[in-house]
């Protein structure tokens, strides 16, 4: 099963939506609390080539993007193969 990490912050509807999709897929993921200005947010920014919004999602170390990119992968039927890896 894939190693999934998702940087989030409290009260973020995009974070909630991304987590709900991953939960629906039945995959385990590690949620990293990354409020603005925190070391975790800086780590997410560094790993995602400067993206400062949340969520930032990584599957097996590969940067997927945010909620919209995750949903687009699912619609294109490209998410499940990444999750099964």
PDB file of N, CA and C in Angstrom:
ATOM      1  N   UNK A   1       0.840  -1.182   0.000  1.00  0.00           N
ATOM      2  CA  UNK A   1       0.000   0.000   0.000  1.00  0.00           C
ATOM      3  C   UNK A   1       0.888   1.250   0.000  1.00  0.00           C
ATOM      4  N   UNK A   2       0.430   2.270  -0.631  1.00  0.00           N
ATOM      5  CA  UNK A   2       1.187   3.514  -0.787  1.00  0.00           C
ATOM      6  C   UNK A   2       1.346   4.247   0.545  1.00  0.00           C
ATOM      7  N   UNK A   3       2.448   4.971   0.652  1.00  0.00           N
ATOM      8  CA  UNK A   3       2.700   5.852   1.790  1.00  0.00           C
ATOM      9  C   UNK A   3       2.136   7.218   1.430  1.00  0.00           C
ATOM     10  N   UNK A   4       1.091   7.631   2.137  1.00  0.00           N
ATOM     11  CA  UNK A   4       0.398   8.879   1.818  1.00  0.00           C
ATOM     12  C   UNK A   4       0.552   9.842   2.981  1.00  0.00           C
ATOM     13  N   UNK A   5       0.993  11.059   2.651  1.00  0.00           N
ATOM     14  CA  UNK A   5       1.123  12.125   3.640  1.00  0.00           C
ATOM     15  C   UNK A   5       0.312  13.314   3.139  1.00  0.00           C
ATOM     16  N   UNK A   6      -0.411  13.926   4.056  1.00  0.00           N
ATOM     17  CA  UNK A   6      -1.222  15.093   3.697  1.00  0.00           C
ATOM     18  C   UNK A   6      -1.030  16.171   4.762  1.00  0.00           C
ATOM     19  N   UNK A   7      -0.525  17.306   4.317  1.00  0.00           N
ATOM     20  CA  UNK A   7      -0.340  18.465   5.192  1.00  0.00           C
ATOM     21  C   UNK A   7      -1.666  19.230   5.231  1.00  0.00           C
ATOM     22  N   UNK A   8      -2.160  19.485   6.425  1.00  0.00           N
ATOM     23  CA  UNK A   8      -3.466  20.118   6.599  1.00  0.00           C
ATOM     24  C   UNK A   8      -3.407  21.200   7.669  1.00  0.00           C
ATOM     25  N   UNK A   9      -4.516  21.900   7.801  1.00  0.00           N
ATOM     26  CA  UNK A   9      -4.688  22.786   8.941  1.00  0.00           C
ATOM     27  C   UNK A   9      -6.141  22.709   9.384  1.00  0.00           C
ATOM     28  N   UNK A  10      -6.360  23.091  10.617  1.00  0.00           N
ATOM     29  CA  UNK A  10      -7.693  23.061  11.216  1.00  0.00           C
ATOM     30  C   UNK A  10      -8.657  23.952  10.438  1.00  0.00           C
ATOM     31  N   UNK A  11      -9.880  23.464  10.293  1.00  0.00           N
ATOM     32  CA  UNK A  11     -10.973  24.203   9.680  1.00  0.00           C
ATOM     33  C   UNK A  11     -10.691  24.566   8.228  1.00  0.00           C
ATOM     34  N   UNK A  12     -10.192  23.599   7.484  1.00  0.00           N
ATOM     35  CA  UNK A  12      -9.894  23.783   6.062  1.00  0.00           C
ATOM     36  C   UNK A  12     -10.822  22.848   5.273  1.00  0.00           C
ATOM     37  N   UNK A  13     -11.811  23.399   4.567  1.00  0.00           N
ATOM     38  CA  UNK A  13     -12.749  22.530   3.845  1.00  0.00           C
ATOM     39  C   UNK A  13     -12.084  21.718   2.735  1.00  0.00           C
ATOM     40  N   UNK A  14     -11.033  22.244   2.129  1.00  0.00           N
ATOM     41  CA  UNK A  14     -10.323  21.488   1.085  1.00  0.00           C
ATOM     42  C   UNK A  14      -9.571  20.314   1.694  1.00  0.00           C
ATOM     43  N   UNK A  15      -9.010  20.521   2.870  1.00  0.00           N
ATOM     44  CA  UNK A  15      -8.341  19.442   3.589  1.00  0.00           C
ATOM     45  C   UNK A  15      -9.355  18.350   3.934  1.00  0.00           C
ATOM     46  N   UNK A  16     -10.512  18.762   4.447  1.00  0.00           N
ATOM     47  CA  UNK A  16     -11.553  17.802   4.810  1.00  0.00           C
ATOM     48  C   UNK A  16     -12.015  17.000   3.591  1.00  0.00           C
ATOM     49  N   UNK A  17     -12.152  17.675   2.467  1.00  0.00           N
ATOM     50  CA  UNK A  17     -12.606  17.010   1.243  1.00  0.00           C
ATOM     51  C   UNK A  17     -11.574  15.985   0.756  1.00  0.00           C
ATOM     52  N   UNK A  18     -10.310  16.360   0.785  1.00  0.00           N
ATOM     53  CA  UNK A  18      -9.248  15.446   0.364  1.00  0.00           C
ATOM     54  C   UNK A  18      -9.181  14.238   1.300  1.00  0.00           C
ATOM     55  N   UNK A  19      -9.256  14.483   2.612  1.00  0.00           N
ATOM     56  CA  UNK A  19      -9.216  13.380   3.581  1.00  0.00           C
ATOM     57  C   UNK A  19     -10.418  12.464   3.408  1.00  0.00           C
ATOM     58  N   UNK A  20     -11.583  13.036   3.110  1.00  0.00           N
ATOM     59  CA  UNK A  20     -12.789  12.223   2.913  1.00  0.00           C
ATOM     60  C   UNK A  20     -12.629  11.304   1.702  1.00  0.00           C
ATOM     61  N   UNK A  21     -12.042  11.813   0.625  1.00  0.00           N
ATOM     62  CA  UNK A  21     -11.834  10.964  -0.554  1.00  0.00           C
ATOM     63  C   UNK A  21     -10.874   9.827  -0.236  1.00  0.00           C
ATOM     64  N   UNK A  22      -9.783  10.133   0.444  1.00  0.00           N
ATOM     65  CA  UNK A  22      -8.830   9.082   0.801  1.00  0.00           C
ATOM     66  C   UNK A  22      -9.467   8.057   1.734  1.00  0.00           C
ATOM     67  N   UNK A  23     -10.273   8.514   2.680  1.00  0.00           N
ATOM     68  CA  UNK A  23     -10.972   7.593   3.586  1.00  0.00           C
ATOM     69  C   UNK A  23     -11.956   6.728   2.814  1.00  0.00           C
ATOM     70  N   UNK A  24     -12.651   7.325   1.865  1.00  0.00           N
ATOM     71  CA  UNK A  24     -13.599   6.575   1.033  1.00  0.00           C
ATOM     72  C   UNK A  24     -12.878   5.479   0.242  1.00  0.00           C
ATOM     73  N   UNK A  25     -11.652   5.780  -0.169  1.00  0.00           N
ATOM     74  CA  UNK A  25     -10.853   4.802  -0.901  1.00  0.00           C
ATOM     75  C   UNK A  25     -10.312   3.711   0.020  1.00  0.00           C
ATOM     76  N   UNK A  26     -10.446   3.923   1.331  1.00  0.00           N
ATOM     77  CA  UNK A  26     -10.018   2.913   2.297  1.00  0.00           C
ATOM     78  C   UNK A  26      -8.517   2.830   2.496  1.00  0.00           C
ATOM     79  N   UNK A  27      -7.819   3.936   2.236  1.00  0.00           N
ATOM     80  CA  UNK A  27      -6.368   3.929   2.395  1.00  0.00           C
ATOM     81  C   UNK A  27      -5.963   4.691   3.649  1.00  0.00           C
ATOM     82  N   UNK A  28      -4.915   4.213   4.260  1.00  0.00           N
ATOM     83  CA  UNK A  28      -4.379   4.892   5.434  1.00  0.00           C
ATOM     84  C   UNK A  28      -3.506   6.053   4.961  1.00  0.00           C
ATOM     85  N   UNK A  29      -3.526   7.131   5.710  1.00  0.00           N
ATOM     86  CA  UNK A  29      -2.679   8.274   5.389  1.00  0.00           C
ATOM     87  C   UNK A  29      -2.228   8.919   6.680  1.00  0.00           C
ATOM     88  N   UNK A  30      -1.102   9.619   6.586  1.00  0.00           N
ATOM     89  CA  UNK A  30      -0.586  10.337   7.741  1.00  0.00           C
ATOM     90  C   UNK A  30      -0.913  11.806   7.554  1.00  0.00           C
ATOM     91  N   UNK A  31      -1.688  12.331   8.466  1.00  0.00           N
ATOM     92  CA  UNK A  31      -2.052  13.747   8.441  1.00  0.00           C
ATOM     93  C   UNK A  31      -1.041  14.530   9.263  1.00  0.00           C
ATOM     94  N   UNK A  32      -0.511  15.574   8.651  1.00  0.00           N
ATOM     95  CA  UNK A  32       0.484  16.415   9.312  1.00  0.00           C
ATOM     96  C   UNK A  32      -0.136  17.788   9.520  1.00  0.00           C
ATOM     97  N   UNK A  33      -0.298  18.180  10.778  1.00  0.00           N
ATOM     98  CA  UNK A  33      -0.885  19.473  11.106  1.00  0.00           C
ATOM     99  C   UNK A  33       0.098  20.569  10.705  1.00  0.00           C
ATOM    100  N   UNK A  34      -0.330  21.435   9.786  1.00  0.00           N
ATOM    101  CA  UNK A  34       0.581  22.447   9.235  1.00  0.00           C
ATOM    102  C   UNK A  34      -0.086  23.821   9.162  1.00  0.00           C
ATOM    103  N   UNK A  35      -0.397  24.409  10.325  1.00  0.00           N
ATOM    104  CA  UNK A  35      -0.984  25.754  10.292  1.00  0.00           C
ATOM    105  C   UNK A  35       0.010  26.768   9.731  1.00  0.00           C
ATOM    106  N   UNK A  36      -0.504  27.862   9.217  1.00  0.00           N
ATOM    107  CA  UNK A  36       0.333  28.908   8.648  1.00  0.00           C
ATOM    108  C   UNK A  36       1.428  29.352   9.595  1.00  0.00           C
ATOM    109  N   UNK A  37       2.640  29.468   9.077  1.00  0.00           N
ATOM    110  CA  UNK A  37       3.768  29.923   9.875  1.00  0.00           C
ATOM    111  C   UNK A  37       4.458  28.845  10.691  1.00  0.00           C
ATOM    112  N   UNK A  38       3.949  27.633  10.652  1.00  0.00           N
ATOM    113  CA  UNK A  38       4.545  26.555  11.443  1.00  0.00           C
ATOM    114  C   UNK A  38       5.696  25.894  10.681  1.00  0.00           C
ATOM    115  N   UNK A  39       6.576  25.212  11.413  1.00  0.00           N
ATOM    116  CA  UNK A  39       7.643  24.464  10.740  1.00  0.00           C
ATOM    117  C   UNK A  39       7.090  23.421   9.763  1.00  0.00           C
ATOM    118  N   UNK A  40       5.968  22.806  10.095  1.00  0.00           N
ATOM    119  CA  UNK A  40       5.372  21.814   9.202  1.00  0.00           C
ATOM    120  C   UNK A  40       4.908  22.468   7.900  1.00  0.00           C
ATOM    121  N   UNK A  41       4.378  23.681   7.973  1.00  0.00           N
ATOM    122  CA  UNK A  41       3.953  24.378   6.753  1.00  0.00           C
ATOM    123  C   UNK A  41       5.161  24.712   5.899  1.00  0.00           C
ATOM    124  N   UNK A  42       6.247  25.116   6.540  1.00  0.00           N
ATOM    125  CA  UNK A  42       7.476  25.396   5.791  1.00  0.00           C
ATOM    126  C   UNK A  42       8.013  24.134   5.134  1.00  0.00           C
ATOM    127  N   UNK A  43       7.915  23.013   5.832  1.00  0.00           N
ATOM    128  CA  UNK A  43       8.329  21.729   5.263  1.00  0.00           C
ATOM    129  C   UNK A  43       7.480  21.398   4.037  1.00  0.00           C
ATOM    130  N   UNK A  44       6.171  21.586   4.148  1.00  0.00           N
ATOM    131  CA  UNK A  44       5.272  21.331   3.020  1.00  0.00           C
ATOM    132  C   UNK A  44       5.625  22.236   1.843  1.00  0.00           C
ATOM    133  N   UNK A  45       5.891  23.488   2.124  1.00  0.00           N
ATOM    134  CA  UNK A  45       6.255  24.452   1.072  1.00  0.00           C
ATOM    135  C   UNK A  45       7.550  24.009   0.381  1.00  0.00           C
ATOM    136  N   UNK A  46       8.512  23.585   1.157  1.00  0.00           N
ATOM    137  CA  UNK A  46       9.789  23.137   0.609  1.00  0.00           C
ATOM    138  C   UNK A  46       9.609  21.893  -0.266  1.00  0.00           C
ATOM    139  N   UNK A  47       8.814  20.959   0.203  1.00  0.00           N
ATOM    140  CA  UNK A  47       8.607  19.705  -0.535  1.00  0.00           C
ATOM    141  C   UNK A  47       7.761  19.894  -1.782  1.00  0.00           C
ATOM    142  N   UNK A  48       6.962  20.956  -1.831  1.00  0.00           N
ATOM    143  CA  UNK A  48       6.021  21.143  -2.945  1.00  0.00           C
ATOM    144  C   UNK A  48       6.453  22.259  -3.895  1.00  0.00           C
ATOM    145  N   UNK A  49       7.727  22.570  -3.922  1.00  0.00           N
ATOM    146  CA  UNK A  49       8.255  23.613  -4.810  1.00  0.00           C
ATOM    147  C   UNK A  49       7.589  24.968  -4.603  1.00  0.00           C
ATOM    148  N   UNK A  50       7.374  25.313  -3.328  1.00  0.00           N
ATOM    149  CA  UNK A  50       6.911  26.653  -2.997  1.00  0.00           C
ATOM    150  C   UNK A  50       5.419  26.839  -2.818  1.00  0.00           C
ATOM    151  N   UNK A  51       4.642  25.802  -2.958  1.00  0.00           N
ATOM    152  CA  UNK A  51       3.190  25.942  -2.769  1.00  0.00           C
ATOM    153  C   UNK A  51       2.915  26.159  -1.284  1.00  0.00           C
ATOM    154  N   UNK A  52       2.135  27.195  -0.969  1.00  0.00           N
ATOM    155  CA  UNK A  52       1.926  27.550   0.437  1.00  0.00           C
ATOM    156  C   UNK A  52       0.542  27.205   0.953  1.00  0.00           C
ATOM    157  N   UNK A  53      -0.334  26.721   0.096  1.00  0.00           N
ATOM    158  CA  UNK A  53      -1.695  26.391   0.524  1.00  0.00           C
ATOM    159  C   UNK A  53      -1.757  24.963   1.068  1.00  0.00           C
ATOM    160  N   UNK A  54      -2.820  24.671   1.754  1.00  0.00           N
ATOM    161  CA  UNK A  54      -3.095  23.313   2.208  1.00  0.00           C
ATOM    162  C   UNK A  54      -4.433  22.885   1.623  1.00  0.00           C
ATOM    163  N   UNK A  55      -4.606  21.604   1.409  1.00  0.00           N
ATOM    164  CA  UNK A  55      -3.656  20.530   1.692  1.00  0.00           C
ATOM    165  C   UNK A  55      -2.567  20.444   0.628  1.00  0.00           C
ATOM    166  N   UNK A  56      -1.471  19.855   1.025  1.00  0.00           N
ATOM    167  CA  UNK A  56      -0.437  19.421   0.097  1.00  0.00           C
ATOM    168  C   UNK A  56      -0.313  17.917   0.311  1.00  0.00           C
ATOM    169  N   UNK A  57      -0.436  17.175  -0.772  1.00  0.00           N
ATOM    170  CA  UNK A  57      -0.560  15.719  -0.700  1.00  0.00           C
ATOM    171  C   UNK A  57       0.618  15.064  -1.402  1.00  0.00           C
ATOM    172  N   UNK A  58       1.173  14.055  -0.738  1.00  0.00           N
ATOM    173  CA  UNK A  58       2.296  13.292  -1.270  1.00  0.00           C
ATOM    174  C   UNK A  58       1.951  11.809  -1.223  1.00  0.00           C
ATOM    175  N   UNK A  59       2.191  11.129  -2.327  1.00  0.00           N
ATOM    176  CA  UNK A  59       1.983   9.679  -2.396  1.00  0.00           C
ATOM    177  C   UNK A  59       3.320   9.059  -2.766  1.00  0.00           C
ATOM    178  N   UNK A  60       3.828   8.212  -1.867  1.00  0.00           N
ATOM    179  CA  UNK A  60       5.143   7.596  -2.032  1.00  0.00           C
ATOM    180  C   UNK A  60       6.211   8.645  -2.344  1.00  0.00           C
ATOM    181  N   UNK A  61       6.148   9.772  -1.646  1.00  0.00           N
ATOM    182  CA  UNK A  61       7.128  10.825  -1.794  1.00  0.00           C
ATOM    183  C   UNK A  61       6.911  11.738  -2.989  1.00  0.00           C
ATOM    184  N   UNK A  62       5.982  11.397  -3.858  1.00  0.00           N
ATOM    185  CA  UNK A  62       5.697  12.197  -5.050  1.00  0.00           C
ATOM    186  C   UNK A  62       4.649  13.252  -4.714  1.00  0.00           C
ATOM    187  N   UNK A  63       4.932  14.497  -5.061  1.00  0.00           N
ATOM    188  CA  UNK A  63       3.980  15.567  -4.800  1.00  0.00           C
ATOM    189  C   UNK A  63       2.817  15.463  -5.777  1.00  0.00           C
ATOM    190  N   UNK A  64       1.616  15.305  -5.240  1.00  0.00           N
ATOM    191  CA  UNK A  64       0.400  15.202  -6.046  1.00  0.00           C
ATOM    192  C   UNK A  64      -0.205  16.574  -6.265  1.00  0.00           C
ATOM    193  N   UNK A  65      -0.126  17.422  -5.255  1.00  0.00           N
ATOM    194  CA  UNK A  65      -0.730  18.751  -5.302  1.00  0.00           C
ATOM    195  C   UNK A  65      -1.713  18.883  -4.165  1.00  0.00           C
ATOM    196  N   UNK A  66      -2.754  19.655  -4.415  1.00  0.00           N
ATOM    197  CA  UNK A  66      -3.772  19.890  -3.409  1.00  0.00           C
ATOM    198  C   UNK A  66      -5.034  19.090  -3.668  1.00  0.00           C
ATOM    199  N   UNK A  67      -6.113  19.548  -3.082  1.00  0.00           N
ATOM    200  CA  UNK A  67      -7.397  18.860  -3.194  1.00  0.00           C
ATOM    201  C   UNK A  67      -7.865  18.769  -4.646  1.00  0.00           C
ATOM    202  N   UNK A  68      -7.776  19.864  -5.379  1.00  0.00           N
ATOM    203  CA  UNK A  68      -8.256  19.851  -6.766  1.00  0.00           C
ATOM    204  C   UNK A  68      -7.493  18.841  -7.609  1.00  0.00           C
ATOM    205  N   UNK A  69      -6.189  18.766  -7.429  1.00  0.00           N
ATOM    206  CA  UNK A  69      -5.385  17.810  -8.194  1.00  0.00           C
ATOM    207  C   UNK A  69      -5.711  16.370  -7.807  1.00  0.00           C
ATOM    208  N   UNK A  70      -5.955  16.144  -6.511  1.00  0.00           N
ATOM    209  CA  UNK A  70      -6.333  14.804  -6.054  1.00  0.00           C
ATOM    210  C   UNK A  70      -7.659  14.386  -6.681  1.00  0.00           C
ATOM    211  N   UNK A  71      -8.633  15.295  -6.678  1.00  0.00           N
ATOM    212  CA  UNK A  71      -9.939  15.000  -7.272  1.00  0.00           C
ATOM    213  C   UNK A  71      -9.819  14.764  -8.778  1.00  0.00           C
ATOM    214  N   UNK A  72      -8.979  15.542  -9.451  1.00  0.00           N
ATOM    215  CA  UNK A  72      -8.782  15.375 -10.890  1.00  0.00           C
ATOM    216  C   UNK A  72      -8.172  14.010 -11.201  1.00  0.00           C
ATOM    217  N   UNK A  73      -7.210  13.581 -10.391  1.00  0.00           N
ATOM    218  CA  UNK A  73      -6.637  12.249 -10.582  1.00  0.00           C
ATOM    219  C   UNK A  73      -7.702  11.175 -10.428  1.00  0.00           C
ATOM    220  N   UNK A  74      -8.575  11.346  -9.451  1.00  0.00           N
ATOM    221  CA  UNK A  74      -9.638  10.370  -9.237  1.00  0.00           C
ATOM    222  C   UNK A  74     -10.598  10.353 -10.422  1.00  0.00           C
ATOM    223  N   UNK A  75     -11.011  11.523 -10.910  1.00  0.00           N
ATOM    224  CA  UNK A  75     -11.920  11.580 -12.054  1.00  0.00           C
ATOM    225  C   UNK A  75     -11.307  10.949 -13.305  1.00  0.00           C
ATOM    226  N   UNK A  76      -9.999  11.097 -13.451  1.00  0.00           N
ATOM    227  CA  UNK A  76      -9.310  10.539 -14.620  1.00  0.00           C
ATOM    228  C   UNK A  76      -8.947   9.070 -14.433  1.00  0.00           C
ATOM    229  N   UNK A  77      -9.357   8.512 -13.303  1.00  0.00           N
ATOM    230  CA  UNK A  77      -9.105   7.108 -12.948  1.00  0.00           C
ATOM    231  C   UNK A  77      -7.610   6.798 -12.846  1.00  0.00           C
ATOM    232  N   UNK A  78      -6.853   7.799 -12.405  1.00  0.00           N
ATOM    233  CA  UNK A  78      -5.416   7.628 -12.231  1.00  0.00           C
ATOM    234  C   UNK A  78      -5.005   7.563 -10.767  1.00  0.00           C
ATOM    235  N   UNK A  79      -5.959   7.780  -9.857  1.00  0.00           N
ATOM    236  CA  UNK A  79      -5.631   7.784  -8.433  1.00  0.00           C
ATOM    237  C   UNK A  79      -5.468   6.371  -7.878  1.00  0.00           C
ATOM    238  N   UNK A  80      -6.403   5.488  -8.197  1.00  0.00           N
ATOM    239  CA  UNK A  80      -6.368   4.144  -7.629  1.00  0.00           C
ATOM    240  C   UNK A  80      -5.035   3.424  -7.895  1.00  0.00           C
ATOM    241  N   UNK A  81      -4.475   3.498  -9.112  1.00  0.00           N
ATOM    242  CA  UNK A  81      -3.176   2.851  -9.313  1.00  0.00           C
ATOM    243  C   UNK A  81      -2.071   3.426  -8.428  1.00  0.00           C
ATOM    244  N   UNK A  82      -2.106   4.719  -8.165  1.00  0.00           N
ATOM    245  CA  UNK A  82      -1.115   5.329  -7.276  1.00  0.00           C
ATOM    246  C   UNK A  82      -1.287   4.834  -5.850  1.00  0.00           C
ATOM    247  N   UNK A  83      -2.535   4.668  -5.442  1.00  0.00           N
ATOM    248  CA  UNK A  83      -2.812   4.236  -4.066  1.00  0.00           C
ATOM    249  C   UNK A  83      -2.464   2.766  -3.841  1.00  0.00           C
ATOM    250  N   UNK A  84      -2.522   1.976  -4.894  1.00  0.00           N
ATOM    251  CA  UNK A  84      -2.259   0.541  -4.781  1.00  0.00           C
ATOM    252  C   UNK A  84      -0.776   0.225  -4.824  1.00  0.00           C
ATOM    253  N   UNK A  85       0.024   1.177  -5.225  1.00  0.00           N
ATOM    254  CA  UNK A  85       1.458   0.924  -5.416  1.00  0.00           C
ATOM    255  C   UNK A  85       2.136   0.517  -4.120  1.00  0.00           C
TER     256      UNK A  85
END
